């Protein structure tokens, strides 16, 4: 089975409309006439784990814990999209071929790449991973994009760039928010100073 993974449901529907009919809508995906399946991520369905998942002592905000710098990064399904993550995960495990249909920018590249990497796929599937760049949801434009697939490996630098930004945001945000909040509490501020 070939699995198309879109970034959003609207893109998933546009992809399905360009594939053979009849279409069968299922929970979190669409099965198309030739047996292939289209699914979607609903934006970022994974997020970087909170500090306490690395060490339970980080649940308490203390200056001596800072800076918090994970040596091995953890991802966790967002609570609001856990159901869709479960659907995508099951489909990835069954797929013989995967077509990455995230948005044609660095975030779109990372969004689907991180789900595939988090779930894990066989080397044979990973080596054949394809990339479809769709910037227009018009059926004829989607058909054209589906006919010009590229190797997903050609877009690794986009994913790496988005990953670096994401981790930098986490490091800066977590550490600075905790530092400023702790310092604010020392002078009587109640609440969180979000950075």
N, C-alpha and C. Protein backbone atom coordinates (compact mmCIF):
# COMPACT_ATOMS: atom_id res chain seq x y z
N UNK A 1 0.85 -1.18 0.00
CA UNK A 1 0.00 0.00 0.00
C UNK A 1 0.89 1.24 0.00
N UNK A 2 0.51 2.21 -0.81
CA UNK A 2 1.20 3.50 -0.85
C UNK A 2 0.44 4.44 0.08
N UNK A 3 1.19 5.10 0.94
CA UNK A 3 0.60 6.01 1.91
C UNK A 3 1.04 7.44 1.61
N UNK A 4 0.08 8.33 1.44
CA UNK A 4 0.33 9.74 1.24
C UNK A 4 0.08 10.43 2.58
N UNK A 5 1.08 11.14 3.10
CA UNK A 5 0.91 11.84 4.37
C UNK A 5 0.93 13.34 4.12
N UNK A 6 -0.22 13.97 4.30
CA UNK A 6 -0.37 15.42 4.12
C UNK A 6 -0.17 16.11 5.46
N UNK A 7 0.02 17.42 5.39
CA UNK A 7 0.19 18.19 6.62
C UNK A 7 -1.15 18.49 7.28
N UNK A 8 -2.18 18.69 6.47
CA UNK A 8 -3.49 19.09 6.99
C UNK A 8 -4.59 18.30 6.29
N UNK A 9 -5.76 18.18 6.91
CA UNK A 9 -6.88 17.47 6.28
C UNK A 9 -7.27 18.05 4.91
N UNK A 10 -7.24 19.38 4.77
CA UNK A 10 -7.63 19.98 3.48
C UNK A 10 -6.70 19.52 2.35
N UNK A 11 -5.42 19.43 2.63
CA UNK A 11 -4.47 18.93 1.63
C UNK A 11 -4.71 17.45 1.39
N UNK A 12 -5.01 16.71 2.43
CA UNK A 12 -5.32 15.28 2.27
C UNK A 12 -6.50 15.06 1.34
N UNK A 13 -7.54 15.86 1.51
CA UNK A 13 -8.71 15.75 0.64
C UNK A 13 -8.36 16.12 -0.80
N UNK A 14 -7.53 17.14 -0.98
CA UNK A 14 -7.12 17.55 -2.33
C UNK A 14 -6.30 16.45 -3.01
N UNK A 15 -5.45 15.78 -2.25
CA UNK A 15 -4.65 14.67 -2.81
C UNK A 15 -5.58 13.54 -3.21
N UNK A 16 -6.49 13.18 -2.31
CA UNK A 16 -7.42 12.09 -2.61
C UNK A 16 -8.23 12.40 -3.87
N UNK A 17 -8.63 13.65 -4.05
CA UNK A 17 -9.44 14.01 -5.22
C UNK A 17 -8.67 13.80 -6.53
N UNK A 18 -7.35 13.77 -6.46
CA UNK A 18 -6.52 13.57 -7.66
C UNK A 18 -6.16 12.09 -7.86
N UNK A 19 -6.63 11.23 -6.99
CA UNK A 19 -6.33 9.80 -7.06
C UNK A 19 -7.57 9.02 -7.47
N UNK A 20 -7.39 7.75 -7.87
CA UNK A 20 -8.52 6.95 -8.38
C UNK A 20 -9.70 6.84 -7.41
N UNK A 21 -10.88 6.83 -7.98
CA UNK A 21 -12.12 6.66 -7.22
C UNK A 21 -12.53 5.18 -7.29
N UNK A 22 -13.40 4.69 -6.47
CA UNK A 22 -14.16 5.38 -5.43
C UNK A 22 -13.30 5.63 -4.19
N UNK A 23 -13.71 6.63 -3.40
CA UNK A 23 -13.03 6.98 -2.16
C UNK A 23 -13.87 6.51 -0.98
N UNK A 24 -13.19 5.97 0.00
CA UNK A 24 -13.87 5.55 1.23
C UNK A 24 -13.27 6.34 2.37
N UNK A 25 -14.07 7.22 2.97
CA UNK A 25 -13.60 7.99 4.12
C UNK A 25 -13.57 7.09 5.33
N UNK A 26 -12.44 7.07 5.99
CA UNK A 26 -12.28 6.29 7.21
C UNK A 26 -11.85 7.25 8.32
N UNK A 27 -11.65 6.73 9.50
CA UNK A 27 -11.27 7.56 10.63
C UNK A 27 -9.85 8.09 10.44
N UNK A 28 -9.72 9.38 10.09
CA UNK A 28 -8.41 10.00 9.94
C UNK A 28 -7.70 9.73 8.63
N UNK A 29 -8.39 9.17 7.66
CA UNK A 29 -7.76 8.88 6.36
C UNK A 29 -8.82 8.65 5.29
N UNK A 30 -8.35 8.57 4.05
CA UNK A 30 -9.23 8.27 2.92
C UNK A 30 -8.57 7.15 2.11
N UNK A 31 -9.31 6.07 1.91
CA UNK A 31 -8.82 4.98 1.07
C UNK A 31 -9.31 5.26 -0.34
N UNK A 32 -8.37 5.23 -1.31
CA UNK A 32 -8.73 5.53 -2.69
C UNK A 32 -8.92 4.23 -3.48
N UNK A 33 -9.42 4.37 -4.71
CA UNK A 33 -9.83 3.24 -5.53
C UNK A 33 -8.80 2.16 -5.78
N UNK A 34 -7.52 2.50 -5.83
CA UNK A 34 -6.50 1.49 -6.09
C UNK A 34 -5.93 0.87 -4.82
N UNK A 35 -6.51 1.20 -3.66
CA UNK A 35 -6.06 0.62 -2.39
C UNK A 35 -5.07 1.48 -1.62
N UNK A 36 -4.59 2.55 -2.25
CA UNK A 36 -3.69 3.46 -1.55
C UNK A 36 -4.48 4.27 -0.52
N UNK A 37 -3.75 4.89 0.40
CA UNK A 37 -4.41 5.63 1.48
C UNK A 37 -3.78 7.01 1.63
N UNK A 38 -4.64 7.99 1.88
CA UNK A 38 -4.21 9.36 2.16
C UNK A 38 -4.55 9.66 3.61
N UNK A 39 -3.58 10.18 4.36
CA UNK A 39 -3.82 10.60 5.73
C UNK A 39 -3.18 11.96 5.94
N UNK A 40 -3.28 12.49 7.16
CA UNK A 40 -2.78 13.85 7.42
C UNK A 40 -2.35 13.97 8.87
N UNK A 41 -1.59 15.02 9.11
CA UNK A 41 -1.01 15.24 10.44
C UNK A 41 -1.75 16.25 11.30
N UNK A 42 -2.64 17.04 10.77
CA UNK A 42 -3.33 18.10 11.52
C UNK A 42 -2.27 19.06 12.12
N UNK A 43 -1.37 19.53 11.28
CA UNK A 43 -0.27 20.37 11.76
C UNK A 43 0.72 19.53 12.56
N UNK A 44 1.37 20.15 13.52
CA UNK A 44 2.34 19.42 14.36
C UNK A 44 1.58 18.49 15.30
N UNK A 45 1.69 17.19 15.06
CA UNK A 45 1.03 16.24 15.97
C UNK A 45 2.00 15.72 17.02
N UNK A 46 3.27 16.06 16.86
CA UNK A 46 4.28 15.76 17.86
C UNK A 46 4.85 17.08 18.37
N UNK A 47 5.31 17.06 19.61
CA UNK A 47 5.95 18.24 20.17
C UNK A 47 7.15 17.81 21.00
N UNK A 48 8.08 18.72 21.19
CA UNK A 48 9.23 18.42 22.04
C UNK A 48 8.72 18.22 23.46
N UNK A 49 9.26 17.22 24.12
CA UNK A 49 8.83 16.86 25.47
C UNK A 49 9.17 17.96 26.47
N UNK A 50 8.40 18.02 27.51
CA UNK A 50 8.63 18.98 28.59
C UNK A 50 9.85 18.56 29.41
N UNK A 51 10.50 19.49 30.10
CA UNK A 51 11.72 19.17 30.85
C UNK A 51 11.57 18.01 31.84
N UNK A 52 10.42 17.93 32.51
CA UNK A 52 10.25 16.87 33.52
C UNK A 52 10.23 15.46 32.93
N UNK A 53 10.06 15.35 31.60
CA UNK A 53 10.13 14.01 30.99
C UNK A 53 11.59 13.55 30.86
N UNK A 54 12.51 14.50 30.95
CA UNK A 54 13.93 14.15 30.94
C UNK A 54 14.43 13.83 32.34
N UNK A 55 13.91 14.56 33.32
CA UNK A 55 14.30 14.37 34.71
C UNK A 55 13.16 14.90 35.58
N UNK A 56 12.57 14.04 36.42
CA UNK A 56 11.43 14.47 37.25
C UNK A 56 11.73 15.66 38.16
N UNK A 57 13.00 15.88 38.49
CA UNK A 57 13.32 17.02 39.36
C UNK A 57 13.06 18.36 38.66
N UNK A 58 12.99 18.35 37.32
CA UNK A 58 12.73 19.59 36.58
C UNK A 58 11.29 20.06 36.72
N UNK A 59 10.44 19.24 37.36
CA UNK A 59 9.06 19.67 37.58
C UNK A 59 9.05 20.93 38.46
N UNK A 60 10.01 21.00 39.39
CA UNK A 60 10.17 22.20 40.21
C UNK A 60 11.12 23.15 39.48
N UNK A 61 10.74 24.39 39.41
CA UNK A 61 11.57 25.38 38.72
C UNK A 61 12.62 25.92 39.69
N UNK A 62 13.89 25.62 39.43
CA UNK A 62 15.00 26.06 40.28
C UNK A 62 16.13 26.59 39.42
N UNK A 63 16.77 27.64 39.88
CA UNK A 63 17.89 28.20 39.12
C UNK A 63 19.03 27.20 38.94
N UNK A 64 19.25 26.36 39.95
CA UNK A 64 20.37 25.40 39.85
C UNK A 64 20.15 24.34 38.77
N UNK A 65 18.93 24.21 38.27
CA UNK A 65 18.66 23.27 37.17
C UNK A 65 19.03 23.86 35.81
N UNK A 66 19.20 25.17 35.76
CA UNK A 66 19.40 25.84 34.48
C UNK A 66 20.88 25.92 34.10
N UNK A 67 21.20 25.84 32.85
CA UNK A 67 20.30 25.61 31.73
C UNK A 67 19.95 24.13 31.58
N UNK A 68 18.73 23.88 31.18
CA UNK A 68 18.29 22.51 30.87
C UNK A 68 18.67 22.27 29.41
N UNK A 69 19.50 21.25 29.18
CA UNK A 69 19.99 20.96 27.84
C UNK A 69 19.91 19.46 27.59
N UNK A 70 18.85 18.99 26.95
CA UNK A 70 18.74 17.55 26.68
C UNK A 70 19.90 17.07 25.80
N UNK A 71 20.39 15.88 26.11
CA UNK A 71 21.43 15.28 25.26
C UNK A 71 20.80 14.42 24.19
N UNK A 72 19.62 13.91 24.49
CA UNK A 72 18.84 13.14 23.50
C UNK A 72 17.43 13.70 23.54
N UNK A 73 16.98 14.24 22.43
CA UNK A 73 15.69 14.93 22.38
C UNK A 73 14.54 13.93 22.30
N UNK A 74 13.47 14.23 23.02
CA UNK A 74 12.27 13.38 23.03
C UNK A 74 11.10 14.14 22.40
N UNK A 75 10.32 13.39 21.65
CA UNK A 75 9.07 13.91 21.10
C UNK A 75 7.91 13.17 21.74
N UNK A 76 6.80 13.85 21.87
CA UNK A 76 5.61 13.22 22.42
C UNK A 76 4.39 13.69 21.63
N UNK A 77 3.41 12.81 21.42
CA UNK A 77 2.19 13.24 20.72
C UNK A 77 1.47 14.32 21.53
N UNK A 78 0.97 15.34 20.84
CA UNK A 78 0.19 16.37 21.51
C UNK A 78 -1.11 15.73 22.01
N UNK A 79 -1.58 16.17 23.15
CA UNK A 79 -2.82 15.59 23.70
C UNK A 79 -4.00 15.85 22.77
N UNK A 80 -4.00 17.00 22.09
CA UNK A 80 -5.14 17.37 21.23
C UNK A 80 -5.16 16.60 19.91
N UNK A 81 -4.04 15.99 19.54
CA UNK A 81 -3.97 15.29 18.25
C UNK A 81 -3.53 13.84 18.41
N UNK A 82 -3.57 13.33 19.62
CA UNK A 82 -3.11 11.96 19.89
C UNK A 82 -3.88 10.93 19.06
N UNK A 83 -5.18 11.13 18.90
CA UNK A 83 -6.00 10.18 18.13
C UNK A 83 -5.52 10.11 16.68
N UNK A 84 -5.27 11.27 16.07
CA UNK A 84 -4.80 11.28 14.68
C UNK A 84 -3.39 10.71 14.58
N UNK A 85 -2.56 10.97 15.58
CA UNK A 85 -1.21 10.39 15.58
C UNK A 85 -1.29 8.87 15.56
N UNK A 86 -2.21 8.31 16.33
CA UNK A 86 -2.38 6.86 16.38
C UNK A 86 -2.78 6.31 15.01
N UNK A 87 -3.66 7.01 14.31
CA UNK A 87 -4.07 6.61 12.96
C UNK A 87 -2.87 6.63 12.02
N UNK A 88 -2.13 7.74 12.01
CA UNK A 88 -0.98 7.89 11.12
C UNK A 88 0.08 6.83 11.44
N UNK A 89 0.31 6.60 12.71
CA UNK A 89 1.31 5.61 13.13
C UNK A 89 0.97 4.21 12.59
N UNK A 90 -0.28 3.80 12.74
CA UNK A 90 -0.70 2.48 12.25
C UNK A 90 -0.52 2.37 10.74
N UNK A 91 -0.87 3.44 10.03
CA UNK A 91 -0.75 3.43 8.58
C UNK A 91 0.71 3.41 8.13
N UNK A 92 1.57 4.15 8.81
CA UNK A 92 3.00 4.15 8.48
C UNK A 92 3.56 2.74 8.63
N UNK A 93 3.17 2.06 9.68
CA UNK A 93 3.67 0.69 9.93
C UNK A 93 3.25 -0.28 8.82
N UNK A 94 2.11 -0.04 8.18
CA UNK A 94 1.60 -0.93 7.13
C UNK A 94 2.10 -0.56 5.73
N UNK A 95 2.58 0.66 5.57
CA UNK A 95 2.92 1.17 4.24
C UNK A 95 4.13 0.48 3.62
N UNK A 96 4.02 0.24 2.33
CA UNK A 96 5.16 -0.28 1.56
C UNK A 96 5.91 0.88 0.91
N UNK A 97 5.18 1.93 0.59
CA UNK A 97 5.73 3.16 0.00
C UNK A 97 5.08 4.34 0.72
N UNK A 98 5.90 5.35 1.05
CA UNK A 98 5.36 6.55 1.69
C UNK A 98 5.69 7.76 0.83
N UNK A 99 4.67 8.60 0.63
CA UNK A 99 4.85 9.86 -0.09
C UNK A 99 4.62 10.99 0.92
N UNK A 100 5.67 11.74 1.17
CA UNK A 100 5.65 12.88 2.09
C UNK A 100 5.01 14.05 1.35
N UNK A 101 3.86 14.50 1.85
CA UNK A 101 3.13 15.60 1.20
C UNK A 101 2.97 16.79 2.14
N UNK A 102 3.98 17.02 2.99
CA UNK A 102 3.93 18.20 3.85
C UNK A 102 4.02 19.46 3.01
N UNK A 103 3.68 20.59 3.61
CA UNK A 103 3.77 21.86 2.90
C UNK A 103 5.19 22.06 2.36
N UNK A 104 5.33 22.78 1.24
CA UNK A 104 6.66 22.93 0.62
C UNK A 104 7.51 24.03 1.28
N UNK A 105 7.72 23.89 2.59
CA UNK A 105 8.60 24.80 3.32
C UNK A 105 9.30 23.98 4.40
N UNK A 106 10.18 24.62 5.16
CA UNK A 106 10.96 23.83 6.12
C UNK A 106 10.10 23.24 7.23
N UNK A 107 9.09 23.95 7.68
CA UNK A 107 8.22 23.40 8.73
C UNK A 107 7.42 22.22 8.20
N UNK A 108 6.92 22.34 6.99
CA UNK A 108 6.18 21.24 6.37
C UNK A 108 7.06 20.02 6.18
N UNK A 109 8.31 20.25 5.85
CA UNK A 109 9.25 19.15 5.69
C UNK A 109 9.49 18.44 7.03
N UNK A 110 9.76 19.23 8.06
CA UNK A 110 10.04 18.65 9.38
C UNK A 110 8.81 17.94 9.94
N UNK A 111 7.66 18.55 9.81
CA UNK A 111 6.44 18.04 10.41
C UNK A 111 6.19 16.57 10.06
N UNK A 112 6.29 16.23 8.77
CA UNK A 112 6.05 14.85 8.35
C UNK A 112 7.29 13.98 8.62
N UNK A 113 8.49 14.53 8.38
CA UNK A 113 9.72 13.77 8.64
C UNK A 113 9.79 13.31 10.09
N UNK A 114 9.45 14.20 11.03
CA UNK A 114 9.58 13.82 12.43
C UNK A 114 8.58 12.74 12.82
N UNK A 115 7.41 12.73 12.21
CA UNK A 115 6.44 11.67 12.49
C UNK A 115 6.97 10.34 11.96
N UNK A 116 7.45 10.34 10.73
CA UNK A 116 8.00 9.10 10.13
C UNK A 116 9.18 8.60 10.96
N UNK A 117 10.08 9.49 11.35
CA UNK A 117 11.24 9.07 12.13
C UNK A 117 10.85 8.61 13.53
N UNK A 118 9.88 9.27 14.12
CA UNK A 118 9.43 8.90 15.47
C UNK A 118 8.78 7.51 15.47
N UNK A 119 7.96 7.26 14.47
CA UNK A 119 7.28 5.97 14.36
C UNK A 119 8.28 4.88 13.99
N UNK A 120 9.18 5.21 13.07
CA UNK A 120 10.17 4.24 12.60
C UNK A 120 9.61 3.42 11.44
N UNK A 121 10.41 3.27 10.41
CA UNK A 121 10.02 2.48 9.25
C UNK A 121 11.18 1.58 8.86
N UNK A 122 10.86 0.55 8.09
CA UNK A 122 11.89 -0.35 7.59
C UNK A 122 12.84 0.43 6.69
N UNK A 123 14.09 0.02 6.66
CA UNK A 123 15.10 0.67 5.83
C UNK A 123 14.65 0.74 4.37
N UNK A 124 14.03 -0.33 3.87
CA UNK A 124 13.59 -0.35 2.47
C UNK A 124 12.55 0.73 2.19
N UNK A 125 11.68 0.99 3.15
CA UNK A 125 10.66 2.04 3.00
C UNK A 125 11.32 3.42 3.11
N UNK A 126 12.21 3.57 4.07
CA UNK A 126 12.89 4.85 4.28
C UNK A 126 13.71 5.24 3.05
N UNK A 127 14.40 4.28 2.46
CA UNK A 127 15.23 4.56 1.29
C UNK A 127 14.40 4.97 0.08
N UNK A 128 13.16 4.53 0.01
CA UNK A 128 12.30 4.85 -1.13
C UNK A 128 11.32 5.99 -0.85
N UNK A 129 11.45 6.64 0.31
CA UNK A 129 10.55 7.71 0.70
C UNK A 129 10.55 8.82 -0.36
N UNK A 130 9.35 9.18 -0.80
CA UNK A 130 9.21 10.18 -1.87
C UNK A 130 8.65 11.48 -1.31
N UNK A 131 8.90 12.57 -2.05
CA UNK A 131 8.43 13.89 -1.63
C UNK A 131 7.57 14.48 -2.74
N UNK A 132 6.41 14.97 -2.35
CA UNK A 132 5.49 15.62 -3.27
C UNK A 132 5.31 17.06 -2.81
N UNK A 133 5.61 18.00 -3.69
CA UNK A 133 5.50 19.42 -3.36
C UNK A 133 4.23 19.98 -3.97
N UNK A 134 3.27 20.31 -3.12
CA UNK A 134 1.98 20.82 -3.58
C UNK A 134 1.77 22.22 -3.02
N UNK A 135 1.61 23.19 -3.91
CA UNK A 135 1.38 24.56 -3.44
C UNK A 135 0.02 25.10 -3.89
N UNK A 136 -0.72 24.29 -4.65
CA UNK A 136 -2.03 24.70 -5.16
C UNK A 136 -2.97 23.50 -4.98
N UNK A 137 -4.10 23.70 -4.32
CA UNK A 137 -5.01 22.60 -4.03
C UNK A 137 -5.97 22.28 -5.18
N UNK A 138 -5.83 22.96 -6.29
CA UNK A 138 -6.62 22.67 -7.49
C UNK A 138 -6.28 21.25 -7.95
N UNK A 139 -7.29 20.46 -8.30
CA UNK A 139 -7.09 19.04 -8.64
C UNK A 139 -6.06 18.85 -9.75
N UNK A 140 -6.10 19.66 -10.79
CA UNK A 140 -5.14 19.48 -11.89
C UNK A 140 -3.71 19.79 -11.42
N UNK A 141 -3.55 20.78 -10.56
CA UNK A 141 -2.22 21.11 -10.02
C UNK A 141 -1.72 19.99 -9.11
N UNK A 142 -2.62 19.41 -8.32
CA UNK A 142 -2.23 18.30 -7.44
C UNK A 142 -1.82 17.09 -8.27
N UNK A 143 -2.58 16.80 -9.33
CA UNK A 143 -2.23 15.67 -10.22
C UNK A 143 -0.84 15.88 -10.81
N UNK A 144 -0.56 17.10 -11.23
CA UNK A 144 0.75 17.40 -11.81
C UNK A 144 1.85 17.17 -10.76
N UNK A 145 1.64 17.64 -9.53
CA UNK A 145 2.62 17.45 -8.46
C UNK A 145 2.83 15.97 -8.15
N UNK A 146 1.73 15.20 -8.17
CA UNK A 146 1.83 13.77 -7.89
C UNK A 146 2.59 13.02 -8.99
N UNK A 147 2.65 13.61 -10.17
CA UNK A 147 3.36 12.96 -11.27
C UNK A 147 4.85 13.32 -11.30
N UNK A 148 5.26 14.23 -10.43
CA UNK A 148 6.67 14.66 -10.41
C UNK A 148 7.27 14.49 -9.01
N UNK A 149 7.16 13.30 -8.47
CA UNK A 149 7.69 13.02 -7.13
C UNK A 149 9.22 13.04 -7.16
N UNK A 150 9.80 13.43 -6.04
CA UNK A 150 11.25 13.45 -5.89
C UNK A 150 11.62 12.60 -4.68
N UNK A 151 12.90 12.34 -4.54
CA UNK A 151 13.37 11.63 -3.35
C UNK A 151 13.28 12.56 -2.15
N UNK A 152 12.75 12.07 -1.06
CA UNK A 152 12.63 12.89 0.14
C UNK A 152 14.00 13.31 0.66
N UNK A 153 15.02 12.51 0.39
CA UNK A 153 16.37 12.83 0.87
C UNK A 153 16.89 14.15 0.30
N UNK A 154 16.36 14.58 -0.83
CA UNK A 154 16.77 15.86 -1.43
C UNK A 154 16.39 17.05 -0.55
N UNK A 155 15.49 16.83 0.40
CA UNK A 155 14.97 17.93 1.21
C UNK A 155 15.42 17.84 2.67
N UNK A 156 16.43 17.02 2.93
CA UNK A 156 16.92 16.82 4.30
C UNK A 156 17.38 18.12 4.94
N UNK A 157 17.99 19.01 4.16
CA UNK A 157 18.49 20.26 4.74
C UNK A 157 17.35 21.15 5.25
N UNK A 158 16.21 21.11 4.58
CA UNK A 158 15.04 21.87 5.06
C UNK A 158 14.60 21.36 6.43
N UNK A 159 14.54 20.05 6.55
CA UNK A 159 14.13 19.43 7.80
C UNK A 159 15.13 19.76 8.92
N UNK A 160 16.42 19.67 8.61
CA UNK A 160 17.46 19.97 9.59
C UNK A 160 17.37 21.41 10.06
N UNK A 161 17.12 22.32 9.13
CA UNK A 161 16.98 23.73 9.46
C UNK A 161 15.80 23.97 10.40
N UNK A 162 14.66 23.37 10.11
CA UNK A 162 13.48 23.53 10.96
C UNK A 162 13.69 22.88 12.32
N UNK A 163 14.39 21.76 12.34
CA UNK A 163 14.67 21.07 13.60
C UNK A 163 15.58 21.93 14.48
N UNK A 164 16.60 22.54 13.88
CA UNK A 164 17.50 23.42 14.63
C UNK A 164 16.74 24.60 15.23
N UNK A 165 15.86 25.21 14.43
CA UNK A 165 15.06 26.32 14.93
C UNK A 165 14.15 25.88 16.08
N UNK A 166 13.52 24.72 15.93
CA UNK A 166 12.61 24.20 16.94
C UNK A 166 13.34 23.95 18.26
N UNK A 167 14.49 23.32 18.18
CA UNK A 167 15.25 23.03 19.41
C UNK A 167 15.81 24.30 20.03
N UNK A 168 16.24 25.24 19.21
CA UNK A 168 16.73 26.51 19.74
C UNK A 168 15.60 27.25 20.46
N UNK A 169 14.41 27.26 19.87
CA UNK A 169 13.25 27.89 20.51
C UNK A 169 12.97 27.24 21.86
N UNK A 170 13.03 25.91 21.90
CA UNK A 170 12.77 25.17 23.14
C UNK A 170 13.81 25.56 24.19
N UNK A 171 15.09 25.48 23.82
CA UNK A 171 16.16 25.78 24.77
C UNK A 171 16.04 27.20 25.32
N UNK A 172 15.86 28.15 24.43
CA UNK A 172 15.75 29.55 24.83
C UNK A 172 14.48 29.78 25.65
N UNK A 173 13.37 29.31 25.13
CA UNK A 173 12.09 29.54 25.80
C UNK A 173 12.00 28.91 27.18
N UNK A 174 12.34 27.65 27.26
CA UNK A 174 12.26 26.95 28.56
C UNK A 174 13.19 27.59 29.59
N UNK A 175 14.45 27.77 29.21
CA UNK A 175 15.44 28.27 30.16
C UNK A 175 15.21 29.72 30.55
N UNK A 176 14.91 30.58 29.58
CA UNK A 176 14.70 31.99 29.90
C UNK A 176 13.38 32.20 30.65
N UNK A 177 12.33 31.48 30.27
CA UNK A 177 11.06 31.60 30.99
C UNK A 177 11.24 31.21 32.44
N UNK A 178 11.91 30.11 32.68
CA UNK A 178 12.13 29.68 34.07
C UNK A 178 13.01 30.67 34.83
N UNK A 179 14.08 31.14 34.20
CA UNK A 179 15.00 32.07 34.87
C UNK A 179 14.28 33.37 35.24
N UNK A 180 13.56 33.96 34.30
CA UNK A 180 12.87 35.23 34.57
C UNK A 180 11.73 35.04 35.57
N UNK A 181 11.02 33.92 35.47
CA UNK A 181 9.93 33.67 36.42
C UNK A 181 10.47 33.52 37.84
N UNK A 182 11.55 32.77 38.00
CA UNK A 182 12.15 32.58 39.33
C UNK A 182 12.64 33.93 39.88
N UNK A 183 13.30 34.72 39.04
CA UNK A 183 13.78 36.03 39.49
C UNK A 183 12.60 36.94 39.84
N UNK A 184 11.53 36.87 39.06
CA UNK A 184 10.34 37.68 39.34
C UNK A 184 9.71 37.31 40.67
N UNK A 185 9.68 36.02 40.96
CA UNK A 185 9.10 35.55 42.22
C UNK A 185 9.88 36.10 43.42
N UNK A 186 11.18 36.29 43.26
CA UNK A 186 12.01 36.81 44.35
C UNK A 186 11.62 38.23 44.75
N UNK A 187 11.01 38.96 43.81
CA UNK A 187 10.58 40.33 44.13
C UNK A 187 9.06 40.45 44.22
N UNK A 188 8.39 39.28 44.37
CA UNK A 188 6.96 39.29 44.63
C UNK A 188 6.05 39.12 43.44
N UNK A 189 6.60 38.94 42.24
CA UNK A 189 5.76 38.74 41.05
C UNK A 189 5.08 37.38 41.14
N UNK A 190 3.79 37.37 40.85
CA UNK A 190 3.03 36.12 40.84
C UNK A 190 2.70 35.80 39.39
N UNK A 191 3.00 34.61 38.96
CA UNK A 191 2.71 34.21 37.60
C UNK A 191 3.97 33.80 36.85
N UNK A 192 3.82 33.60 35.55
CA UNK A 192 4.92 33.15 34.70
C UNK A 192 5.33 34.29 33.78
N UNK A 193 6.63 34.52 33.67
CA UNK A 193 7.17 35.48 32.72
C UNK A 193 7.58 34.68 31.49
N UNK A 194 6.71 34.66 30.51
CA UNK A 194 6.93 33.85 29.32
C UNK A 194 7.89 34.54 28.36
N UNK A 195 8.95 33.83 28.01
CA UNK A 195 9.95 34.36 27.07
C UNK A 195 9.94 33.49 25.84
